[in-house]
Amino acid sequence: MSVSTLPSTISRPSVRRTAHGVRRAPNRTQVVPPLLRITDSPAAAVFRVACAQGPIGRDTAAKVTGLSTATVNRQVVALLGAGLLRERADLTASGAVGRPRVPFEVNHEPYLTVGIHIGAVVTGIVASDLRGRILGAVEVPTPVGPQSQAVSRIVHSARMFLGRWHRRRPLWVGVALGGRVDPVTGRVDHPRLGWTAAPVGAIIGDGLGLPVSVAAHVDAMAASELLLAPGRPGESAASGTGLYFYARETAGVAVTIDGRVHTPSTGPGSIVHLPTGSGAQCSCGSRGCLEATVSDRAVIDAARDAGILTETDERPAIAAVYRAAASGSLAAHELLVERARVLGRTVAMLRDLFNPDRVILGGQAFTEYPAGIPHVAEAFAAASSLARKDIRITGFGNRVQEFAAAVVSLSCIHADPLTSIRRTALQ
């Protein structure tokens, strides 16, 4: 579906100091719902092919996008005028005549976007260029305390991080996190952090002086597979259905339909209390809920109970369990194998329920301990009643959170580049 305009904004007059120390006049905090989908508007199609294959000639771009050469020319001229593309006259073929023969590419060097992934334990902040390449990243402990103060501390960390990129102009900030997210207002309910209707979008957008988009993190991870995955398989994923399953400190799923992340109007569903038949007692009072069985926190507690981690460890981390298993600890290995089996059975149940064309598994519960993957596959095969289709581990490896945050910061620009760049001029 073509996109001509982006959704409305939320006004909040403010006077602020920017990431680069420049004081700005009062303006509007723009909370813009992310567009987690592949769009087919001409400008988006041309910009997308430039991201994936640039430098590229107009004739080639027309063949790839299915647009006429005249339409491609018009979009290239408009995107050049907006500063989002640049021409590469140095790459013009010998003997070629006229500007249409000059290859073009994304004008990525002057700009960046900021992505923030707020986890239950760790918050990651990334800078990416307009093509979706990660330029740099930093992690800080997720702040505790009153929700507005905690979010303000994240803003401070992001502002300090942005100071490294003084030669690039920040265009947008994207936030990905768990809980229930209202993408229109940017407010978040996050029981694990104790946040209720936290004005995440307003505080972060106001603090950084940028348009801001906020999304549920598993939805964002699914979108990154559509829009940013290596080799840009999103074009082939523009049809059919996909199921993204995530597990680390929490567990979640997202569904994609015809190149679009499906997000119900009341927010994404939850699988954290899905019964597994085994495991520790959950905060809800039941025993064997999925998150209470497979989360990093659950594995750490089980490792401590088994003596794999000791009480003298100041802050036992899941990495210590992985190291113990890799070093030959049979107890640590069996603990991780049991988690892998639970994950395999759960994925099989959800795959049989939704019967998608593709299944992607993401999160450190899958990627941090490769020896567990065969056990995921074995448990999946034993529990599923359907024929095996396209099931794979994410190509982003241990960086799924980074790319989830990045895609939220880029989705509006990729979906509607000309309108988005005009929005950035309002800040």
Protein backbone atom coordinates (compact mmCIF):
# COMPACT_ATOMS: atom_id res chain seq x y z
CA MET A 1 0.00 0.00 0.00
CA SER A 2 1.42 3.37 -0.93
CA VAL A 3 2.06 5.84 1.83
CA SER A 4 1.73 9.55 1.11
CA THR A 5 1.58 11.00 4.59
CA LEU A 6 2.66 9.92 8.03
CA PRO A 7 0.35 9.87 11.06
CA SER A 8 -0.36 12.87 13.24
CA THR A 9 1.96 14.10 15.94
CA ILE A 10 1.68 14.88 19.62
CA SER A 11 2.45 18.49 20.49
CA ARG A 12 4.52 19.34 23.49
CA PRO A 13 6.11 22.80 23.65
CA SER A 14 9.58 22.75 25.08
CA VAL A 15 12.92 24.48 25.19
CA ARG A 16 15.82 22.10 25.15
CA ARG A 17 19.50 21.65 24.62
CA THR A 18 20.26 19.28 21.74
CA ALA A 19 22.64 16.37 21.68
CA HIS A 20 25.31 18.74 20.38
CA GLY A 21 24.78 21.41 23.00
CA VAL A 22 22.82 23.86 20.81
CA ARG A 23 19.84 25.48 22.46
CA ARG A 24 16.66 25.37 20.40
CA ALA A 25 13.51 27.43 20.40
CA PRO A 26 10.26 25.87 21.59
CA ASN A 27 8.84 23.38 19.07
CA ARG A 28 6.82 20.19 18.85
CA THR A 29 7.72 16.74 20.03
CA GLN A 30 6.72 14.49 17.16
CA VAL A 31 5.65 11.01 18.25
CA VAL A 32 5.14 9.15 14.98
CA PRO A 33 3.93 5.53 14.86
CA PRO A 34 6.55 3.31 13.21
CA LEU A 35 5.72 1.86 9.79
CA LEU A 36 6.93 -1.72 10.22
CA ARG A 37 6.34 -2.87 6.67
CA ILE A 38 7.57 -2.95 3.11
CA THR A 39 5.79 -0.19 1.20
CA ASP A 40 5.32 0.05 -2.55
CA SER A 41 5.16 3.81 -3.07
CA PRO A 42 7.56 4.86 -5.87
CA ALA A 43 9.78 6.93 -3.57
CA ALA A 44 10.03 4.10 -1.04
CA ALA A 45 10.78 1.53 -3.75
CA VAL A 46 13.57 3.65 -5.25
CA PHE A 47 15.03 4.45 -1.85
CA ARG A 48 14.87 0.77 -0.85
CA VAL A 49 16.72 -0.41 -3.94
CA ALA A 50 19.35 2.27 -3.38
CA CYS A 51 19.82 0.97 0.17
CA ALA A 52 20.14 -2.62 -0.96
CA GLN A 53 22.00 -2.34 -4.26
CA GLY A 54 23.43 1.16 -4.62
CA PRO A 55 25.29 2.53 -6.46
CA ILE A 56 22.75 1.58 -9.10
CA GLY A 57 21.71 2.94 -12.48
CA ARG A 58 18.22 4.17 -13.21
CA ASP A 59 17.58 1.48 -15.83
CA THR A 60 18.57 -1.25 -13.40
CA ALA A 61 16.48 0.33 -10.64
CA ALA A 62 13.47 0.32 -12.97
CA LYS A 63 13.89 -3.39 -13.64
CA VAL A 64 14.31 -4.24 -9.96
CA THR A 65 11.36 -2.17 -8.74
CA GLY A 66 9.05 -2.76 -11.69
CA LEU A 67 8.59 0.98 -12.14
CA SER A 68 8.95 2.79 -15.43
CA THR A 69 12.24 4.52 -16.14
CA ALA A 70 10.43 7.86 -16.20
CA THR A 71 8.96 7.21 -12.73
CA VAL A 72 12.35 6.20 -11.39
CA ASN A 73 13.86 9.37 -12.84
CA ARG A 74 11.25 11.54 -11.14
CA GLN A 75 11.79 9.85 -7.78
CA VAL A 76 15.56 10.06 -8.05
CA VAL A 77 15.36 13.78 -8.80
CA ALA A 78 13.06 14.32 -5.81
CA LEU A 79 15.25 12.26 -3.46
CA LEU A 80 18.39 14.01 -4.70
CA GLY A 81 16.71 17.34 -3.98
CA ALA A 82 15.83 16.17 -0.47
CA GLY A 83 19.43 15.18 0.16
CA LEU A 84 18.61 11.49 0.63
CA LEU A 85 20.37 10.27 -2.52
CA ARG A 86 23.59 11.29 -4.20
CA GLU A 87 24.93 10.68 -7.69
CA ARG A 88 28.19 8.88 -8.39
CA ALA A 89 29.48 10.48 -11.56
CA ASP A 90 32.83 8.78 -10.93
CA LEU A 91 31.15 5.42 -11.61
CA THR A 92 29.51 6.41 -14.90
CA ALA A 93 30.22 3.87 -17.62
CA SER A 94 32.67 4.96 -20.27
CA GLY A 95 30.87 6.49 -23.24
CA ALA A 96 27.57 7.00 -21.39
CA VAL A 97 25.79 10.26 -22.17
CA GLY A 98 23.35 12.20 -19.97
CA ARG A 99 22.53 12.30 -16.26
CA PRO A 100 20.16 9.31 -16.35
CA ARG A 101 23.26 7.17 -16.92
CA VAL A 102 24.88 8.39 -13.69
CA PRO A 103 24.51 5.79 -10.89
CA PHE A 104 22.93 6.88 -7.62
CA GLU A 105 23.15 5.68 -4.03
CA VAL A 106 21.89 6.61 -0.58
CA ASN A 107 23.51 9.78 0.74
CA HIS A 108 24.35 8.03 3.98
CA GLU A 109 27.42 9.88 5.23
CA PRO A 110 25.80 13.14 6.48
CA TYR A 111 23.08 11.48 8.56
CA LEU A 112 22.32 8.97 11.27
CA THR A 113 19.38 7.70 13.27
CA VAL A 114 19.36 6.71 16.93
CA GLY A 115 17.93 3.42 18.13
CA ILE A 116 17.29 2.59 21.78
CA HIS A 117 16.42 -0.91 22.98
CA ILE A 118 15.21 -0.80 26.60
CA GLY A 119 15.63 -4.25 28.08
CA ALA A 120 14.65 -5.51 31.50
CA VAL A 121 18.30 -5.50 32.57
CA VAL A 122 20.33 -3.73 29.87
CA THR A 123 19.55 -0.82 27.56
CA GLY A 124 21.33 -0.67 24.23
CA ILE A 125 21.82 2.54 22.22
CA VAL A 126 22.85 2.36 18.57
CA ALA A 127 23.62 4.75 15.75
CA SER A 128 22.84 3.61 12.22
CA ASP A 129 23.14 5.15 8.79
CA LEU A 130 20.21 5.44 6.41
CA ARG A 131 20.99 2.06 4.85
CA GLY A 132 20.56 0.31 8.19
CA ARG A 133 24.28 -0.24 8.84
CA ILE A 134 25.15 -0.02 12.53
CA LEU A 135 27.79 2.68 13.04
CA GLY A 136 28.31 2.14 16.77
CA ALA A 137 26.60 0.88 19.89
CA VAL A 138 26.82 1.13 23.66
CA GLU A 139 25.08 -0.67 26.52
CA VAL A 140 24.11 0.75 29.91
CA PRO A 141 22.21 -0.81 32.81
CA THR A 142 18.50 -0.12 32.49
CA PRO A 143 17.80 2.53 35.13
CA VAL A 144 15.55 1.73 38.05
CA GLY A 145 13.35 4.10 40.02
CA PRO A 146 10.39 6.31 39.05
CA GLN A 147 9.55 5.79 35.40
CA SER A 148 9.99 9.37 34.18
CA GLN A 149 13.35 9.65 35.93
CA ALA A 150 14.46 6.30 34.51
CA VAL A 151 13.56 7.34 30.96
CA SER A 152 15.28 10.70 31.46
CA ARG A 153 18.45 8.89 32.48
CA ILE A 154 18.27 6.88 29.26
CA VAL A 155 17.95 10.17 27.36
CA HIS A 156 21.10 11.42 29.09
CA SER A 157 23.01 8.30 28.05
CA ALA A 158 21.77 8.65 24.48
CA ARG A 159 22.75 12.31 24.38
CA MET A 160 26.26 11.46 25.57
CA PHE A 161 26.51 8.73 22.95
CA LEU A 162 25.35 11.10 20.19
CA GLY A 163 28.25 13.39 21.04
CA ARG A 164 30.54 10.92 19.28
CA TRP A 165 28.89 11.61 15.94
CA HIS A 166 29.23 15.38 15.71
CA ARG A 167 29.80 15.29 11.93
CA ARG A 168 26.48 13.57 11.24
CA ARG A 169 23.02 15.05 11.56
CA PRO A 170 20.63 12.89 13.61
CA LEU A 171 17.26 12.56 11.88
CA TRP A 172 15.09 10.26 14.01
CA VAL A 173 15.05 8.23 17.20
CA GLY A 174 13.43 4.83 17.52
CA VAL A 175 12.67 3.00 20.76
CA ALA A 176 12.01 -0.74 21.06
CA LEU A 177 11.02 -2.34 24.35
CA GLY A 178 8.85 -4.98 25.93
CA GLY A 179 5.47 -4.54 27.53
CA ARG A 180 2.44 -2.97 25.88
CA VAL A 181 3.22 -0.07 23.60
CA ASP A 182 0.80 2.52 22.25
CA PRO A 183 2.61 3.54 19.04
CA VAL A 184 0.38 6.60 18.54
CA THR A 185 1.14 8.22 21.89
CA GLY A 186 4.46 6.52 22.64
CA ARG A 187 3.21 5.48 26.08
CA VAL A 188 4.24 2.13 27.52
CA ASP A 189 3.01 -0.27 30.19
CA HIS A 190 5.96 -2.40 31.26
CA PRO A 191 5.15 -4.55 34.32
CA ARG A 192 8.70 -5.88 34.61
CA LEU A 193 10.05 -2.33 34.95
CA GLY A 194 7.05 -1.12 36.95
CA TRP A 195 6.02 1.39 34.28
CA THR A 196 2.38 2.35 33.72
CA ALA A 197 1.47 4.65 30.81
CA ALA A 198 5.08 5.84 30.84
CA PRO A 199 5.47 8.72 28.33
CA VAL A 200 8.53 7.13 26.74
CA GLY A 201 8.06 8.74 23.33
CA ALA A 202 7.48 12.26 24.66
CA ILE A 203 10.42 12.19 27.07
CA ILE A 204 12.90 10.73 24.60
CA GLY A 205 11.75 12.79 21.62
CA ASP A 206 11.77 15.96 23.69
CA GLY A 207 15.13 15.19 25.28
CA LEU A 208 16.88 14.51 21.98
CA GLY A 209 14.98 17.04 19.87
CA LEU A 210 14.06 14.46 17.23
CA PRO A 211 10.95 12.83 15.81
CA VAL A 212 10.47 9.59 17.75
CA SER A 213 8.81 6.25 17.09
CA VAL A 214 8.14 3.59 19.74
CA ALA A 215 7.44 -0.08 19.09
CA ALA A 216 7.15 -3.39 20.89
CA HIS A 217 10.56 -5.00 20.61
CA VAL A 218 9.52 -8.37 19.13
CA ASP A 219 7.48 -6.56 16.46
CA ALA A 220 10.58 -4.51 15.73
CA MET A 221 12.73 -7.65 15.44
CA ALA A 222 10.29 -9.10 12.93
CA ALA A 223 10.41 -5.83 10.98
CA SER A 224 14.20 -5.89 10.91
CA GLU A 225 14.02 -9.23 9.10
CA LEU A 226 11.81 -7.62 6.46
CA LEU A 227 13.69 -4.36 6.03
CA LEU A 228 17.29 -4.77 7.19
CA ALA A 229 18.25 -8.44 6.93
CA PRO A 230 21.50 -9.25 5.08
CA GLY A 231 20.80 -9.65 1.38
CA ARG A 232 17.49 -7.80 1.84
CA PRO A 233 15.28 -10.90 1.68
CA GLY A 234 12.39 -8.60 2.44
CA GLU A 235 11.48 -8.41 -1.25
CA SER A 236 10.79 -12.16 -1.30
CA ALA A 237 9.03 -11.89 2.07
CA ALA A 238 6.63 -9.27 0.74
CA SER A 239 4.08 -12.05 0.31
CA GLY A 240 3.02 -14.86 2.58
CA THR A 241 3.18 -15.13 6.35
CA GLY A 242 5.97 -15.33 8.89
CA LEU A 243 6.29 -16.09 12.59
CA TYR A 244 9.11 -14.52 14.60
CA PHE A 245 9.85 -16.19 17.95
CA TYR A 246 12.12 -14.42 20.44
CA ALA A 247 13.62 -15.67 23.69
CA ARG A 248 16.13 -14.12 26.04
CA GLU A 249 15.13 -12.38 29.26
CA THR A 250 11.56 -12.67 28.10
CA ALA A 251 9.76 -14.50 25.29
CA GLY A 252 7.50 -13.19 22.58
CA VAL A 253 6.18 -13.68 19.07
CA ALA A 254 5.30 -11.47 16.13
CA VAL A 255 3.44 -12.28 12.94
CA THR A 256 4.15 -10.82 9.50
CA ILE A 257 1.59 -10.85 6.69
CA ASP A 258 2.51 -9.87 3.15
CA GLY A 259 5.52 -7.80 4.15
CA ARG A 260 3.86 -6.12 7.12
CA VAL A 261 4.19 -6.75 10.84
CA HIS A 262 0.71 -7.46 12.17
CA THR A 263 0.08 -5.54 15.38
CA PRO A 264 -3.42 -5.74 16.88
CA SER A 265 -5.00 -2.41 17.78
CA THR A 266 -4.66 -3.23 21.49
CA GLY A 267 -1.01 -4.17 21.14
CA PRO A 268 0.83 -7.46 20.60
CA GLY A 269 -0.23 -10.61 22.38
CA SER A 270 1.79 -12.32 25.08
CA ILE A 271 3.16 -15.84 25.47
CA VAL A 272 5.00 -15.30 28.75
CA HIS A 273 2.45 -17.37 30.70
CA LEU A 274 2.14 -20.14 28.13
CA PRO A 275 2.27 -23.41 30.12
CA THR A 276 5.30 -25.63 29.52
CA GLY A 277 4.60 -28.42 31.96
CA SER A 278 7.82 -27.84 33.89
CA GLY A 279 9.85 -25.11 35.47
CA ALA A 280 9.87 -22.76 38.43
CA GLN A 281 6.94 -20.91 39.91
CA CYS A 282 5.94 -17.80 37.99
CA SER A 283 5.09 -14.39 39.43
CA CYS A 284 1.48 -15.09 38.45
CA GLY A 285 1.39 -17.96 40.96
CA SER A 286 1.37 -20.78 38.43
CA ARG A 287 4.24 -23.18 37.85
CA GLY A 288 5.84 -23.77 34.48
CA CYS A 289 4.94 -20.56 32.65
CA LEU A 290 7.16 -20.06 29.61
CA GLU A 291 9.05 -16.98 30.80
CA ALA A 292 9.57 -18.47 34.25
CA THR A 293 11.09 -21.53 32.56
CA VAL A 294 13.25 -20.25 29.68
CA SER A 295 14.23 -16.67 30.57
CA ASP A 296 17.81 -15.78 31.40
CA ARG A 297 16.73 -15.01 34.94
CA ALA A 298 15.13 -18.46 35.29
CA VAL A 299 18.26 -20.17 33.99
CA ILE A 300 20.46 -18.17 36.36
CA ASP A 301 18.27 -19.11 39.34
CA ALA A 302 18.35 -22.78 38.32
CA ALA A 303 22.12 -22.63 37.87
CA ARG A 304 22.50 -21.18 41.34
CA ASP A 305 20.28 -23.89 42.80
CA ALA A 306 22.38 -26.53 41.05
CA GLY A 307 25.64 -25.08 42.36
CA ILE A 308 26.83 -24.01 38.91
CA LEU A 309 26.86 -20.43 40.15
CA THR A 310 27.73 -19.61 43.74
CA GLU A 311 26.27 -17.08 46.12
CA THR A 312 29.65 -15.34 46.18
CA ASP A 313 29.13 -14.19 42.59
CA GLU A 314 28.29 -10.50 42.90
CA ARG A 315 26.03 -10.47 39.85
CA PRO A 316 25.59 -13.89 38.28
CA ALA A 317 25.07 -13.50 34.55
CA ILE A 318 23.78 -15.90 31.96
CA ALA A 319 27.18 -15.64 30.26
CA ALA A 320 28.69 -17.50 33.23
CA VAL A 321 26.31 -20.39 32.60
CA TYR A 322 27.27 -20.47 28.92
CA ARG A 323 30.95 -20.43 29.84
CA ALA A 324 30.49 -23.25 32.31
CA ALA A 325 28.72 -25.39 29.70
CA ALA A 326 31.35 -24.64 27.07
CA SER A 327 34.08 -25.55 29.58
CA GLY A 328 32.63 -29.02 30.09
CA SER A 329 30.19 -28.64 32.97
CA LEU A 330 27.64 -31.40 32.38
CA ALA A 331 25.17 -29.76 34.78
CA ALA A 332 25.32 -26.45 32.91
CA HIS A 333 25.00 -28.22 29.57
CA GLU A 334 21.95 -30.20 30.69
CA LEU A 335 20.34 -27.06 32.05
CA LEU A 336 20.71 -25.32 28.69
CA VAL A 337 19.62 -28.43 26.80
CA GLU A 338 16.41 -28.57 28.83
CA ARG A 339 15.72 -24.93 27.96
CA ALA A 340 16.38 -25.75 24.29
CA ARG A 341 13.88 -28.61 24.42
CA VAL A 342 11.19 -26.43 25.98
CA LEU A 343 11.81 -23.80 23.31
CA GLY A 344 11.62 -26.38 20.54
CA ARG A 345 8.30 -27.75 21.79
CA THR A 346 6.88 -24.25 22.21
CA VAL A 347 7.92 -23.15 18.73
CA ALA A 348 6.37 -26.33 17.30
CA MET A 349 3.08 -25.64 19.05
CA LEU A 350 2.94 -22.06 17.80
CA ARG A 351 4.03 -23.05 14.30
CA ASP A 352 1.26 -25.65 14.14
CA LEU A 353 -1.23 -23.09 15.44
CA PHE A 354 -0.37 -20.34 12.92
CA ASN A 355 1.02 -22.53 10.10
CA PRO A 356 3.12 -19.67 8.66
CA ASP A 357 5.23 -19.86 5.51
CA ARG A 358 8.37 -18.93 7.45
CA VAL A 359 9.60 -19.20 11.03
CA ILE A 360 12.54 -17.16 12.36
CA LEU A 361 14.07 -17.80 15.77
CA GLY A 362 15.83 -14.88 17.43
CA GLY A 363 17.37 -13.98 20.75
CA GLN A 364 20.35 -15.10 22.78
CA ALA A 365 18.48 -18.15 24.09
CA PHE A 366 19.07 -19.53 20.59
CA THR A 367 22.28 -17.84 19.46
CA GLU A 368 24.50 -17.81 22.57
CA TYR A 369 24.77 -21.59 22.95
CA PRO A 370 25.03 -23.25 19.51
CA ALA A 371 25.26 -26.69 21.12
CA GLY A 372 21.62 -26.30 22.12
CA ILE A 373 20.30 -25.80 18.57
CA PRO A 374 20.19 -29.53 17.67
CA HIS A 375 18.04 -30.09 20.75
CA VAL A 376 15.69 -27.27 19.68
CA ALA A 377 15.38 -28.94 16.27
CA GLU A 378 14.85 -32.40 17.75
CA ALA A 379 12.15 -31.24 20.16
CA PHE A 380 10.48 -29.23 17.40
CA ALA A 381 10.38 -32.21 15.03
CA ALA A 382 8.97 -34.48 17.73
CA ALA A 383 6.23 -32.03 18.74
CA SER A 384 5.12 -30.64 15.37
CA SER A 385 2.48 -32.41 13.29
CA LEU A 386 3.02 -30.35 10.13
CA ALA A 387 5.57 -30.75 7.35
CA ARG A 388 8.76 -28.77 7.87
CA LYS A 389 8.91 -25.47 5.97
CA ASP A 390 11.30 -22.51 6.13
CA ILE A 391 12.59 -22.48 9.73
CA ARG A 392 15.85 -20.74 10.56
CA ILE A 393 17.85 -18.78 13.12
CA THR A 394 18.03 -15.03 12.56
CA GLY A 395 20.96 -13.77 10.54
CA PHE A 396 21.50 -10.97 13.06
CA GLY A 397 22.90 -13.37 15.65
CA ASN A 398 23.47 -11.72 19.02
CA ARG A 399 22.67 -8.26 17.64
CA VAL A 400 18.91 -8.67 17.27
CA GLN A 401 18.23 -5.98 19.85
CA GLU A 402 20.46 -3.50 18.02
CA PHE A 403 18.73 -4.01 14.69
CA ALA A 404 15.30 -3.94 16.32
CA ALA A 405 16.06 -0.48 17.69
CA ALA A 406 17.60 0.60 14.38
CA VAL A 407 14.61 -0.44 12.29
CA VAL A 408 12.21 1.55 14.50
CA SER A 409 14.38 4.63 13.92
CA LEU A 410 14.44 4.00 10.16
CA SER A 411 11.03 2.57 9.33
CA CYS A 412 9.26 5.87 8.61
CA ILE A 413 12.17 7.12 6.51
CA HIS A 414 12.20 3.91 4.47
CA ALA A 415 8.41 3.84 4.09
CA ASP A 416 7.95 7.50 3.18
CA PRO A 417 11.35 9.15 2.70
CA LEU A 418 10.22 12.50 1.34
CA THR A 419 7.59 13.16 4.00
CA SER A 420 9.94 11.96 6.73
CA ILE A 421 12.80 14.24 5.74
CA ARG A 422 10.37 17.16 5.79
CA ARG A 423 9.36 16.18 9.31
CA THR A 424 12.95 16.34 10.48
CA ALA A 425 13.10 19.97 9.38
CA LEU A 426 10.34 20.79 11.90
CA GLN A 427 12.54 19.87 14.84
